[in-house]
């Protein structure tokens, strides 16, 4: 199996395992955008403040994440509605 195929297969596989084993809900935009460089399950395991999520997204964009303005708003909506740290 080529490295490219393994790299593209792993995030999908890991996300499916997480979704099935943890009974977790997955989000297509998170899977598509965040899952390109690492497993989306990393996102699903964290609860952060809104400001922290903004910093994370900014950091990922500095590392190569490509989001349209609308996609960024949609990602933030998913994160703040489902993975917001409650004080």
C-alpha atoms as a PDB file:
ATOM      1  CA  UNK A   1       0.000   0.000   0.000  1.00  0.00           C
ATOM      2  CA  UNK A   2       1.475   3.338  -0.972  1.00  0.00           C
ATOM      3  CA  UNK A   3       2.174   5.994   1.665  1.00  0.00           C
ATOM      4  CA  UNK A   4      -0.352   8.346   0.051  1.00  0.00           C
ATOM      5  CA  UNK A   5      -3.104   5.748   0.205  1.00  0.00           C
ATOM      6  CA  UNK A   6      -2.244   4.909   3.824  1.00  0.00           C
ATOM      7  CA  UNK A   7      -2.229   8.578   4.823  1.00  0.00           C
ATOM      8  CA  UNK A   8      -5.595   9.249   3.180  1.00  0.00           C
ATOM      9  CA  UNK A   9      -7.118   6.031   4.555  1.00  0.00           C
ATOM     10  CA  UNK A  10      -6.016   6.479   8.167  1.00  0.00           C
ATOM     11  CA  UNK A  11      -8.077   9.585   9.070  1.00  0.00           C
ATOM     12  CA  UNK A  12     -11.226   8.023   7.627  1.00  0.00           C
ATOM     13  CA  UNK A  13     -10.578   4.709   9.369  1.00  0.00           C
ATOM     14  CA  UNK A  14      -9.732   6.330  12.709  1.00  0.00           C
ATOM     15  CA  UNK A  15     -12.802   8.543  12.517  1.00  0.00           C
ATOM     16  CA  UNK A  16     -15.029   5.559  11.849  1.00  0.00           C
ATOM     17  CA  UNK A  17     -13.532   3.679  14.773  1.00  0.00           C
ATOM     18  CA  UNK A  18     -14.082   6.662  17.052  1.00  0.00           C
ATOM     19  CA  UNK A  19     -17.643   7.172  15.847  1.00  0.00           C
ATOM     20  CA  UNK A  20     -18.527   3.509  16.286  1.00  0.00           C
ATOM     21  CA  UNK A  21     -16.640   2.683  19.452  1.00  0.00           C
ATOM     22  CA  UNK A  22     -17.465   5.841  21.367  1.00  0.00           C
ATOM     23  CA  UNK A  23     -20.939   6.301  19.963  1.00  0.00           C
ATOM     24  CA  UNK A  24     -19.712   9.757  18.990  1.00  0.00           C
ATOM     25  CA  UNK A  25     -21.293  11.983  16.433  1.00  0.00           C
ATOM     26  CA  UNK A  26     -19.217  13.017  13.432  1.00  0.00           C
ATOM     27  CA  UNK A  27     -19.450  16.224  11.424  1.00  0.00           C
ATOM     28  CA  UNK A  28     -18.754  16.119   7.671  1.00  0.00           C
ATOM     29  CA  UNK A  29     -17.034  19.514   7.491  1.00  0.00           C
ATOM     30  CA  UNK A  30     -14.744  18.639  10.420  1.00  0.00           C
ATOM     31  CA  UNK A  31     -14.005  15.263   8.827  1.00  0.00           C
ATOM     32  CA  UNK A  32     -13.257  16.878   5.472  1.00  0.00           C
ATOM     33  CA  UNK A  33     -11.184  19.867   6.600  1.00  0.00           C
ATOM     34  CA  UNK A  34      -9.575  18.871   9.902  1.00  0.00           C
ATOM     35  CA  UNK A  35      -9.227  15.230   8.917  1.00  0.00           C
ATOM     36  CA  UNK A  36      -6.845  16.049   6.080  1.00  0.00           C
ATOM     37  CA  UNK A  37      -3.816  16.408   8.357  1.00  0.00           C
ATOM     38  CA  UNK A  38      -4.821  14.485  11.488  1.00  0.00           C
ATOM     39  CA  UNK A  39      -7.710  12.375  12.634  1.00  0.00           C
ATOM     40  CA  UNK A  40     -10.907  14.282  13.221  1.00  0.00           C
ATOM     41  CA  UNK A  41     -11.298  12.346  16.475  1.00  0.00           C
ATOM     42  CA  UNK A  42      -8.663  14.668  17.944  1.00  0.00           C
ATOM     43  CA  UNK A  43     -11.136  17.508  17.484  1.00  0.00           C
ATOM     44  CA  UNK A  44     -13.990  15.497  18.975  1.00  0.00           C
ATOM     45  CA  UNK A  45     -12.011  14.770  22.144  1.00  0.00           C
ATOM     46  CA  UNK A  46     -11.503  18.416  23.093  1.00  0.00           C
ATOM     47  CA  UNK A  47     -13.724  21.015  24.684  1.00  0.00           C
ATOM     48  CA  UNK A  48     -12.371  24.544  24.458  1.00  0.00           C
ATOM     49  CA  UNK A  49     -13.570  28.094  24.889  1.00  0.00           C
ATOM     50  CA  UNK A  50     -14.652  29.995  21.795  1.00  0.00           C
ATOM     51  CA  UNK A  51     -11.441  32.038  21.896  1.00  0.00           C
ATOM     52  CA  UNK A  52      -9.374  28.857  22.155  1.00  0.00           C
ATOM     53  CA  UNK A  53     -11.142  27.370  19.113  1.00  0.00           C
ATOM     54  CA  UNK A  54     -10.442  30.578  17.188  1.00  0.00           C
ATOM     55  CA  UNK A  55      -6.756  30.268  18.104  1.00  0.00           C
ATOM     56  CA  UNK A  56      -6.698  26.624  17.055  1.00  0.00           C
ATOM     57  CA  UNK A  57      -8.262  27.424  13.683  1.00  0.00           C
ATOM     58  CA  UNK A  58      -5.833  30.302  13.179  1.00  0.00           C
ATOM     59  CA  UNK A  59      -2.915  27.998  14.003  1.00  0.00           C
ATOM     60  CA  UNK A  60      -4.155  25.334  11.605  1.00  0.00           C
ATOM     61  CA  UNK A  61      -4.539  27.943   8.859  1.00  0.00           C
ATOM     62  CA  UNK A  62      -0.930  28.979   9.451  1.00  0.00           C
ATOM     63  CA  UNK A  63       0.013  25.325   8.931  1.00  0.00           C
ATOM     64  CA  UNK A  64      -1.883  25.049   5.648  1.00  0.00           C
ATOM     65  CA  UNK A  65      -5.579  24.581   6.410  1.00  0.00           C
ATOM     66  CA  UNK A  66      -7.623  26.138   3.629  1.00  0.00           C
ATOM     67  CA  UNK A  67     -11.067  27.435   4.580  1.00  0.00           C
ATOM     68  CA  UNK A  68     -13.365  29.853   2.864  1.00  0.00           C
ATOM     69  CA  UNK A  69     -14.878  32.534   5.094  1.00  0.00           C
ATOM     70  CA  UNK A  70     -18.156  30.585   5.115  1.00  0.00           C
ATOM     71  CA  UNK A  71     -16.427  27.290   5.938  1.00  0.00           C
ATOM     72  CA  UNK A  72     -14.598  28.946   8.814  1.00  0.00           C
ATOM     73  CA  UNK A  73     -17.895  30.245  10.182  1.00  0.00           C
ATOM     74  CA  UNK A  74     -19.458  26.795   9.758  1.00  0.00           C
ATOM     75  CA  UNK A  75     -16.542  25.083  11.510  1.00  0.00           C
ATOM     76  CA  UNK A  76     -16.760  27.558  14.391  1.00  0.00           C
ATOM     77  CA  UNK A  77     -20.486  26.929  14.659  1.00  0.00           C
ATOM     78  CA  UNK A  78     -19.955  23.155  14.891  1.00  0.00           C
ATOM     79  CA  UNK A  79     -17.174  23.582  17.442  1.00  0.00           C
ATOM     80  CA  UNK A  80     -19.008  26.054  19.671  1.00  0.00           C
ATOM     81  CA  UNK A  81     -22.284  24.131  19.540  1.00  0.00           C
ATOM     82  CA  UNK A  82     -20.720  20.744  20.276  1.00  0.00           C
ATOM     83  CA  UNK A  83     -17.274  21.182  21.811  1.00  0.00           C
ATOM     84  CA  UNK A  84     -17.502  24.333  23.890  1.00  0.00           C
ATOM     85  CA  UNK A  85     -15.820  24.289  27.293  1.00  0.00           C
ATOM     86  CA  UNK A  86     -18.423  25.095  29.880  1.00  0.00           C
ATOM     87  CA  UNK A  87     -17.177  27.027  32.883  1.00  0.00           C
END
